[in-house]
Amino acid sequence: MTSSDALPPSRGRFYAVRCKPGEDLLAGLRSFVAARGLKAVSIVTAVGSLNTAPLRLANTGVWETRQGHFEIVSLVGTIDEQGEHLHISLSDRHGVTVGAHFGLGSAVYTTAEIVLVELEDYTFTRKPCSLSGYDELVVEPRRAD
């Protein structure tokens, strides 16, 4: 556990977003967050479909782009002003499902409907972690603007 365990609960403000056919899902989310100056965002739920999906499978370090028609089974993660950490589960026409890190370069097939929550009392940042070797989430109380 980390120091964020000691933080009091945060109030939340919810947003509903729809990405249209051909749009890059992550680029759309980044744009939405930036335009509103949101500091600590989590994905509450997502449904829709993709025909291009940039994925990084577990423990590979290699990004690959999959093409086809995929249903978004799940999309979870956190977004801040400088970055994000997202995981997606996609199923194909046979119900075969893959889960992976999700990145830039996707293309929405029919729709992507996402509900976001901004944790109004927190700020998310990412800093190097000596234990994991990656930039990891840091949760801090939001300071008055």
N, C-alpha and C. Protein backbone atom coordinates (compact mmCIF):
# COMPACT_ATOMS: atom_id res chain seq x y z
N MET A 1 0.84 -1.18 0.00
CA MET A 1 0.00 0.00 0.00
C MET A 1 0.88 1.24 0.00
N THR A 2 0.31 2.34 -0.43
CA THR A 2 1.07 3.57 -0.54
C THR A 2 0.46 4.67 0.31
N SER A 3 1.10 5.82 0.28
CA SER A 3 0.61 6.95 1.08
C SER A 3 -0.78 7.39 0.67
N SER A 4 -1.22 7.06 -0.56
CA SER A 4 -2.56 7.45 -0.97
C SER A 4 -3.63 6.77 -0.12
N ASP A 5 -3.26 5.69 0.60
CA ASP A 5 -4.21 5.02 1.48
C ASP A 5 -4.69 5.94 2.59
N ALA A 6 -3.88 6.92 2.96
CA ALA A 6 -4.21 7.82 4.05
C ALA A 6 -5.08 8.99 3.58
N LEU A 7 -5.31 9.13 2.30
CA LEU A 7 -6.11 10.25 1.80
C LEU A 7 -7.59 10.02 2.10
N PRO A 8 -8.30 11.10 2.40
CA PRO A 8 -9.74 10.96 2.60
C PRO A 8 -10.43 10.67 1.27
N PRO A 9 -11.66 10.18 1.30
CA PRO A 9 -12.39 9.94 0.04
C PRO A 9 -12.51 11.23 -0.77
N SER A 10 -12.62 11.07 -2.06
CA SER A 10 -12.76 12.22 -2.96
C SER A 10 -14.19 12.32 -3.47
N ARG A 11 -14.61 13.53 -3.72
CA ARG A 11 -15.85 13.76 -4.45
C ARG A 11 -15.58 13.42 -5.92
N GLY A 12 -16.64 13.09 -6.66
CA GLY A 12 -16.47 12.77 -8.07
C GLY A 12 -17.42 13.54 -8.95
N ARG A 13 -16.95 13.86 -10.15
CA ARG A 13 -17.77 14.50 -11.18
C ARG A 13 -17.73 13.58 -12.39
N PHE A 14 -18.90 13.19 -12.88
CA PHE A 14 -18.99 12.21 -13.95
C PHE A 14 -19.21 12.87 -15.30
N TYR A 15 -18.63 12.26 -16.33
CA TYR A 15 -18.74 12.73 -17.71
C TYR A 15 -19.06 11.54 -18.60
N ALA A 16 -19.88 11.76 -19.61
CA ALA A 16 -20.15 10.73 -20.62
C ALA A 16 -19.57 11.22 -21.95
N VAL A 17 -18.84 10.33 -22.62
CA VAL A 17 -18.14 10.66 -23.85
C VAL A 17 -18.49 9.63 -24.90
N ARG A 18 -18.67 10.06 -26.13
CA ARG A 18 -18.83 9.12 -27.25
C ARG A 18 -17.81 9.44 -28.32
N CYS A 19 -17.08 8.41 -28.73
CA CYS A 19 -16.18 8.53 -29.88
C CYS A 19 -16.89 7.90 -31.07
N LYS A 20 -16.76 8.54 -32.22
CA LYS A 20 -17.47 8.12 -33.43
C LYS A 20 -16.58 7.26 -34.31
N PRO A 21 -17.17 6.62 -35.32
CA PRO A 21 -16.40 5.76 -36.22
C PRO A 21 -15.16 6.46 -36.78
N GLY A 22 -14.03 5.73 -36.73
CA GLY A 22 -12.77 6.23 -37.26
C GLY A 22 -11.93 7.00 -36.27
N GLU A 23 -12.52 7.44 -35.17
CA GLU A 23 -11.76 8.22 -34.19
C GLU A 23 -10.82 7.32 -33.39
N ASP A 24 -9.71 7.90 -32.96
CA ASP A 24 -8.76 7.23 -32.07
C ASP A 24 -9.30 7.38 -30.65
N LEU A 25 -9.63 6.28 -30.02
CA LEU A 25 -10.27 6.31 -28.71
C LEU A 25 -9.41 7.01 -27.65
N LEU A 26 -8.14 6.63 -27.56
CA LEU A 26 -7.28 7.25 -26.54
C LEU A 26 -7.03 8.72 -26.85
N ALA A 27 -6.81 9.06 -28.09
CA ALA A 27 -6.60 10.48 -28.45
C ALA A 27 -7.84 11.29 -28.08
N GLY A 28 -9.01 10.72 -28.29
CA GLY A 28 -10.25 11.41 -27.92
C GLY A 28 -10.36 11.61 -26.42
N LEU A 29 -9.99 10.58 -25.65
CA LEU A 29 -10.03 10.72 -24.19
C LEU A 29 -9.01 11.75 -23.71
N ARG A 30 -7.80 11.70 -24.25
CA ARG A 30 -6.78 12.69 -23.89
C ARG A 30 -7.26 14.11 -24.19
N SER A 31 -7.85 14.29 -25.35
CA SER A 31 -8.35 15.61 -25.74
C SER A 31 -9.45 16.09 -24.80
N PHE A 32 -10.36 15.20 -24.45
CA PHE A 32 -11.45 15.54 -23.54
C PHE A 32 -10.90 15.98 -22.19
N VAL A 33 -9.98 15.20 -21.64
CA VAL A 33 -9.38 15.49 -20.33
C VAL A 33 -8.63 16.82 -20.37
N ALA A 34 -7.83 17.04 -21.41
CA ALA A 34 -7.04 18.27 -21.53
C ALA A 34 -7.93 19.50 -21.68
N ALA A 35 -8.97 19.40 -22.49
CA ALA A 35 -9.84 20.55 -22.75
C ALA A 35 -10.54 21.02 -21.48
N ARG A 36 -10.74 20.12 -20.54
CA ARG A 36 -11.44 20.46 -19.30
C ARG A 36 -10.49 20.64 -18.12
N GLY A 37 -9.20 20.45 -18.34
CA GLY A 37 -8.22 20.61 -17.27
C GLY A 37 -8.40 19.61 -16.13
N LEU A 38 -8.83 18.40 -16.47
CA LEU A 38 -9.07 17.39 -15.44
C LEU A 38 -7.74 16.84 -14.93
N LYS A 39 -7.65 16.61 -13.63
CA LYS A 39 -6.38 16.26 -12.99
C LYS A 39 -6.28 14.80 -12.55
N ALA A 40 -7.42 14.14 -12.32
CA ALA A 40 -7.41 12.77 -11.81
C ALA A 40 -8.66 12.06 -12.32
N VAL A 41 -8.50 11.28 -13.38
CA VAL A 41 -9.64 10.68 -14.07
C VAL A 41 -9.52 9.16 -14.02
N SER A 42 -10.66 8.50 -13.85
CA SER A 42 -10.74 7.05 -13.95
C SER A 42 -11.88 6.70 -14.89
N ILE A 43 -11.72 5.58 -15.58
CA ILE A 43 -12.79 5.11 -16.45
C ILE A 43 -13.75 4.28 -15.61
N VAL A 44 -15.03 4.64 -15.66
CA VAL A 44 -16.06 3.94 -14.91
C VAL A 44 -16.59 2.76 -15.71
N THR A 45 -16.91 2.99 -16.98
CA THR A 45 -17.41 1.94 -17.85
C THR A 45 -17.16 2.34 -19.30
N ALA A 46 -17.11 1.35 -20.16
CA ALA A 46 -16.92 1.60 -21.59
C ALA A 46 -17.55 0.46 -22.37
N VAL A 47 -18.15 0.79 -23.49
CA VAL A 47 -18.73 -0.19 -24.39
C VAL A 47 -18.58 0.34 -25.80
N GLY A 48 -18.43 -0.55 -26.75
CA GLY A 48 -18.31 -0.12 -28.13
C GLY A 48 -17.53 -1.12 -28.94
N SER A 49 -16.92 -0.63 -30.03
CA SER A 49 -16.19 -1.53 -30.91
C SER A 49 -15.03 -0.80 -31.58
N LEU A 50 -14.01 -1.58 -31.93
CA LEU A 50 -12.83 -1.07 -32.62
C LEU A 50 -12.56 -1.93 -33.84
N ASN A 51 -11.92 -1.33 -34.85
CA ASN A 51 -11.41 -2.15 -35.95
C ASN A 51 -9.88 -2.07 -36.05
N THR A 52 -9.29 -1.21 -35.24
CA THR A 52 -7.83 -1.14 -35.09
C THR A 52 -7.55 -1.00 -33.60
N ALA A 53 -6.68 -1.86 -33.08
CA ALA A 53 -6.41 -1.86 -31.64
C ALA A 53 -4.92 -2.00 -31.36
N PRO A 54 -4.28 -0.93 -30.84
CA PRO A 54 -2.87 -1.01 -30.43
C PRO A 54 -2.78 -1.64 -29.03
N LEU A 55 -2.08 -2.75 -28.93
CA LEU A 55 -2.03 -3.51 -27.69
C LEU A 55 -0.59 -3.82 -27.31
N ARG A 56 -0.34 -3.85 -26.01
CA ARG A 56 0.93 -4.37 -25.49
C ARG A 56 0.57 -5.49 -24.53
N LEU A 57 0.84 -6.72 -24.96
CA LEU A 57 0.51 -7.88 -24.16
C LEU A 57 1.40 -7.95 -22.94
N ALA A 58 0.94 -8.67 -21.92
CA ALA A 58 1.62 -8.74 -20.64
C ALA A 58 3.08 -9.17 -20.77
N ASN A 59 3.94 -8.40 -20.12
CA ASN A 59 5.36 -8.71 -19.98
C ASN A 59 6.11 -8.88 -21.30
N THR A 60 5.64 -8.20 -22.37
CA THR A 60 6.35 -8.30 -23.65
C THR A 60 7.16 -7.05 -23.95
N GLY A 61 6.64 -5.89 -23.53
CA GLY A 61 7.31 -4.64 -23.86
C GLY A 61 7.17 -4.26 -25.32
N VAL A 62 6.40 -5.04 -26.09
CA VAL A 62 6.26 -4.82 -27.53
C VAL A 62 4.81 -4.46 -27.85
N TRP A 63 4.66 -3.35 -28.58
CA TRP A 63 3.33 -2.93 -29.02
C TRP A 63 3.04 -3.59 -30.36
N GLU A 64 1.79 -4.05 -30.53
CA GLU A 64 1.34 -4.59 -31.81
C GLU A 64 -0.03 -3.99 -32.10
N THR A 65 -0.35 -3.87 -33.38
CA THR A 65 -1.65 -3.34 -33.77
C THR A 65 -2.45 -4.46 -34.39
N ARG A 66 -3.61 -4.72 -33.83
CA ARG A 66 -4.50 -5.76 -34.36
C ARG A 66 -5.60 -5.11 -35.18
N GLN A 67 -5.91 -5.74 -36.29
CA GLN A 67 -6.96 -5.27 -37.20
C GLN A 67 -8.09 -6.29 -37.20
N GLY A 68 -9.31 -5.83 -37.33
CA GLY A 68 -10.49 -6.69 -37.38
C GLY A 68 -11.66 -5.97 -36.77
N HIS A 69 -12.70 -6.72 -36.45
CA HIS A 69 -13.85 -6.14 -35.77
C HIS A 69 -13.89 -6.71 -34.36
N PHE A 70 -13.72 -5.82 -33.38
CA PHE A 70 -13.62 -6.22 -31.98
C PHE A 70 -14.65 -5.50 -31.14
N GLU A 71 -15.30 -6.24 -30.24
CA GLU A 71 -16.16 -5.63 -29.23
C GLU A 71 -15.30 -5.25 -28.04
N ILE A 72 -15.53 -4.05 -27.48
CA ILE A 72 -14.86 -3.65 -26.24
C ILE A 72 -15.60 -4.32 -25.10
N VAL A 73 -14.96 -5.28 -24.48
CA VAL A 73 -15.55 -6.00 -23.35
C VAL A 73 -15.32 -5.22 -22.06
N SER A 74 -14.14 -4.58 -21.98
CA SER A 74 -13.78 -3.81 -20.80
C SER A 74 -12.71 -2.80 -21.17
N LEU A 75 -12.77 -1.65 -20.57
CA LEU A 75 -11.71 -0.65 -20.66
C LEU A 75 -11.60 -0.01 -19.29
N VAL A 76 -10.44 -0.15 -18.67
CA VAL A 76 -10.24 0.37 -17.32
C VAL A 76 -8.93 1.13 -17.25
N GLY A 77 -8.83 2.04 -16.29
CA GLY A 77 -7.56 2.71 -16.08
C GLY A 77 -7.71 4.10 -15.52
N THR A 78 -6.55 4.77 -15.45
CA THR A 78 -6.48 6.13 -14.93
C THR A 78 -5.84 7.03 -15.96
N ILE A 79 -6.27 8.30 -15.94
CA ILE A 79 -5.77 9.31 -16.87
C ILE A 79 -5.44 10.56 -16.08
N ASP A 80 -4.30 11.17 -16.38
CA ASP A 80 -3.95 12.45 -15.76
C ASP A 80 -3.52 13.41 -16.86
N GLU A 81 -3.03 14.56 -16.46
CA GLU A 81 -2.67 15.59 -17.45
C GLU A 81 -1.52 15.16 -18.34
N GLN A 82 -0.65 14.29 -17.87
CA GLN A 82 0.55 13.93 -18.62
C GLN A 82 0.54 12.52 -19.20
N GLY A 83 -0.38 11.69 -18.77
CA GLY A 83 -0.36 10.31 -19.25
C GLY A 83 -1.54 9.50 -18.77
N GLU A 84 -1.42 8.21 -18.96
CA GLU A 84 -2.50 7.32 -18.60
C GLU A 84 -1.94 5.90 -18.45
N HIS A 85 -2.75 5.07 -17.85
CA HIS A 85 -2.46 3.64 -17.75
C HIS A 85 -3.79 2.95 -17.99
N LEU A 86 -3.95 2.39 -19.18
CA LEU A 86 -5.21 1.79 -19.58
C LEU A 86 -5.02 0.32 -19.95
N HIS A 87 -5.99 -0.51 -19.58
CA HIS A 87 -6.05 -1.90 -20.01
C HIS A 87 -7.38 -2.09 -20.72
N ILE A 88 -7.35 -2.91 -21.76
CA ILE A 88 -8.56 -3.19 -22.53
C ILE A 88 -8.72 -4.68 -22.72
N SER A 89 -9.97 -5.13 -22.76
CA SER A 89 -10.30 -6.50 -23.17
C SER A 89 -11.17 -6.38 -24.40
N LEU A 90 -10.79 -7.11 -25.44
CA LEU A 90 -11.51 -7.09 -26.71
C LEU A 90 -11.88 -8.52 -27.09
N SER A 91 -13.07 -8.69 -27.69
CA SER A 91 -13.44 -10.01 -28.19
C SER A 91 -13.69 -9.92 -29.69
N ASP A 92 -13.34 -11.01 -30.39
CA ASP A 92 -13.54 -11.03 -31.84
C ASP A 92 -14.87 -11.72 -32.16
N ARG A 93 -15.13 -11.96 -33.42
CA ARG A 93 -16.41 -12.52 -33.87
C ARG A 93 -16.65 -13.94 -33.36
N HIS A 94 -15.62 -14.60 -32.88
CA HIS A 94 -15.74 -15.94 -32.33
C HIS A 94 -15.81 -15.94 -30.80
N GLY A 95 -15.77 -14.74 -30.22
CA GLY A 95 -15.80 -14.63 -28.76
C GLY A 95 -14.44 -14.81 -28.12
N VAL A 96 -13.41 -14.94 -28.94
CA VAL A 96 -12.06 -15.06 -28.40
C VAL A 96 -11.66 -13.69 -27.87
N THR A 97 -11.22 -13.66 -26.62
CA THR A 97 -10.96 -12.40 -25.94
C THR A 97 -9.49 -12.27 -25.61
N VAL A 98 -8.98 -11.05 -25.77
CA VAL A 98 -7.60 -10.73 -25.42
C VAL A 98 -7.63 -9.52 -24.50
N GLY A 99 -6.73 -9.52 -23.54
CA GLY A 99 -6.58 -8.37 -22.65
C GLY A 99 -5.16 -7.87 -22.70
N ALA A 100 -5.00 -6.54 -22.68
CA ALA A 100 -3.66 -5.97 -22.82
C ALA A 100 -3.66 -4.50 -22.42
N HIS A 101 -2.45 -3.93 -22.36
CA HIS A 101 -2.32 -2.47 -22.26
C HIS A 101 -2.89 -1.90 -23.56
N PHE A 102 -3.46 -0.70 -23.47
CA PHE A 102 -4.10 -0.06 -24.62
C PHE A 102 -3.43 1.28 -24.87
N GLY A 103 -3.15 1.59 -26.14
CA GLY A 103 -2.45 2.83 -26.47
C GLY A 103 -3.04 3.59 -27.63
N LEU A 104 -2.29 4.60 -28.07
CA LEU A 104 -2.70 5.46 -29.19
C LEU A 104 -2.68 4.69 -30.50
N GLY A 105 -3.57 5.10 -31.40
CA GLY A 105 -3.58 4.55 -32.74
C GLY A 105 -4.76 3.64 -33.04
N SER A 106 -5.76 3.64 -32.17
CA SER A 106 -6.93 2.80 -32.41
C SER A 106 -7.85 3.49 -33.42
N ALA A 107 -8.82 2.73 -33.89
CA ALA A 107 -9.89 3.29 -34.72
C ALA A 107 -11.21 2.69 -34.24
N VAL A 108 -12.14 3.55 -33.86
CA VAL A 108 -13.47 3.12 -33.45
C VAL A 108 -14.19 2.56 -34.67
N TYR A 109 -14.87 1.44 -34.48
CA TYR A 109 -15.63 0.82 -35.58
C TYR A 109 -17.01 1.45 -35.68
N THR A 110 -17.89 1.22 -34.70
CA THR A 110 -19.23 1.81 -34.75
C THR A 110 -19.41 2.93 -33.73
N THR A 111 -18.95 2.68 -32.51
CA THR A 111 -19.08 3.67 -31.44
C THR A 111 -18.17 3.26 -30.29
N ALA A 112 -17.85 4.19 -29.45
CA ALA A 112 -17.23 3.91 -28.15
C ALA A 112 -17.88 4.87 -27.17
N GLU A 113 -18.59 4.30 -26.21
CA GLU A 113 -19.32 5.08 -25.22
C GLU A 113 -18.63 4.88 -23.88
N ILE A 114 -18.11 5.97 -23.32
CA ILE A 114 -17.29 5.89 -22.12
C ILE A 114 -17.85 6.82 -21.06
N VAL A 115 -17.89 6.32 -19.82
CA VAL A 115 -18.22 7.17 -18.68
C VAL A 115 -16.94 7.33 -17.87
N LEU A 116 -16.59 8.59 -17.59
CA LEU A 116 -15.41 8.93 -16.82
C LEU A 116 -15.82 9.56 -15.51
N VAL A 117 -14.98 9.43 -14.51
CA VAL A 117 -15.17 10.17 -13.27
C VAL A 117 -13.89 10.95 -13.00
N GLU A 118 -14.05 12.23 -12.68
CA GLU A 118 -12.91 13.02 -12.20
C GLU A 118 -12.97 13.00 -10.68
N LEU A 119 -11.89 12.57 -10.06
CA LEU A 119 -11.78 12.60 -8.60
C LEU A 119 -11.34 14.01 -8.22
N GLU A 120 -12.31 14.80 -7.82
CA GLU A 120 -12.11 16.24 -7.67
C GLU A 120 -11.13 16.66 -6.59
N ASP A 121 -10.89 15.80 -5.62
CA ASP A 121 -10.02 16.17 -4.51
C ASP A 121 -8.60 15.64 -4.65
N TYR A 122 -8.31 14.97 -5.77
CA TYR A 122 -6.99 14.38 -6.01
C TYR A 122 -6.33 14.94 -7.26
N THR A 123 -5.04 14.78 -7.31
CA THR A 123 -4.25 15.01 -8.53
C THR A 123 -3.47 13.73 -8.78
N PHE A 124 -3.53 13.24 -10.02
CA PHE A 124 -2.74 12.08 -10.42
C PHE A 124 -1.51 12.58 -11.15
N THR A 125 -0.37 12.00 -10.86
CA THR A 125 0.85 12.19 -11.63
C THR A 125 1.51 10.82 -11.76
N ARG A 126 2.59 10.76 -12.51
CA ARG A 126 3.33 9.51 -12.67
C ARG A 126 4.80 9.79 -12.43
N LYS A 127 5.40 8.96 -11.61
CA LYS A 127 6.81 9.13 -11.28
C LYS A 127 7.50 7.77 -11.35
N PRO A 128 8.81 7.78 -11.64
CA PRO A 128 9.53 6.51 -11.69
C PRO A 128 9.45 5.77 -10.36
N CYS A 129 9.26 4.47 -10.46
CA CYS A 129 9.20 3.61 -9.28
C CYS A 129 10.39 2.66 -9.31
N SER A 130 11.20 2.70 -8.26
CA SER A 130 12.39 1.86 -8.21
C SER A 130 12.04 0.37 -8.11
N LEU A 131 10.84 0.06 -7.64
CA LEU A 131 10.44 -1.35 -7.51
C LEU A 131 10.00 -1.95 -8.84
N SER A 132 9.23 -1.18 -9.63
CA SER A 132 8.70 -1.72 -10.89
C SER A 132 9.57 -1.36 -12.09
N GLY A 133 10.30 -0.24 -11.98
CA GLY A 133 11.07 0.22 -13.13
C GLY A 133 10.26 1.05 -14.11
N TYR A 134 9.01 1.32 -13.80
CA TYR A 134 8.13 2.10 -14.67
C TYR A 134 7.71 3.39 -13.98
N ASP A 135 7.18 4.32 -14.78
CA ASP A 135 6.51 5.49 -14.20
C ASP A 135 5.17 5.00 -13.67
N GLU A 136 4.94 5.18 -12.37
CA GLU A 136 3.73 4.67 -11.73
C GLU A 136 2.90 5.81 -11.15
N LEU A 137 1.64 5.51 -10.92
CA LEU A 137 0.67 6.48 -10.42
C LEU A 137 1.04 6.99 -9.04
N VAL A 138 0.96 8.33 -8.89
CA VAL A 138 1.11 8.99 -7.59
C VAL A 138 -0.19 9.76 -7.37
N VAL A 139 -0.84 9.52 -6.25
CA VAL A 139 -2.10 10.20 -5.91
C VAL A 139 -1.81 11.17 -4.78
N GLU A 140 -2.14 12.45 -5.02
CA GLU A 140 -1.92 13.47 -4.01
C GLU A 140 -3.19 14.30 -3.84
N PRO A 141 -3.37 14.91 -2.67
CA PRO A 141 -4.51 15.80 -2.51
C PRO A 141 -4.37 16.99 -3.44
N ARG A 142 -5.47 17.41 -4.01
CA ARG A 142 -5.45 18.55 -4.93
C ARG A 142 -5.33 19.83 -4.12
N ARG A 143 -4.46 20.67 -4.57
CA ARG A 143 -4.27 21.98 -3.95
C ARG A 143 -5.24 22.97 -4.58
N ALA A 144 -5.67 23.92 -3.81
CA ALA A 144 -6.59 24.95 -4.34
C ALA A 144 -5.90 25.69 -5.48
N ASP A 145 -6.64 25.85 -6.58
CA ASP A 145 -6.09 26.54 -7.78
C ASP A 145 -6.01 28.03 -7.59
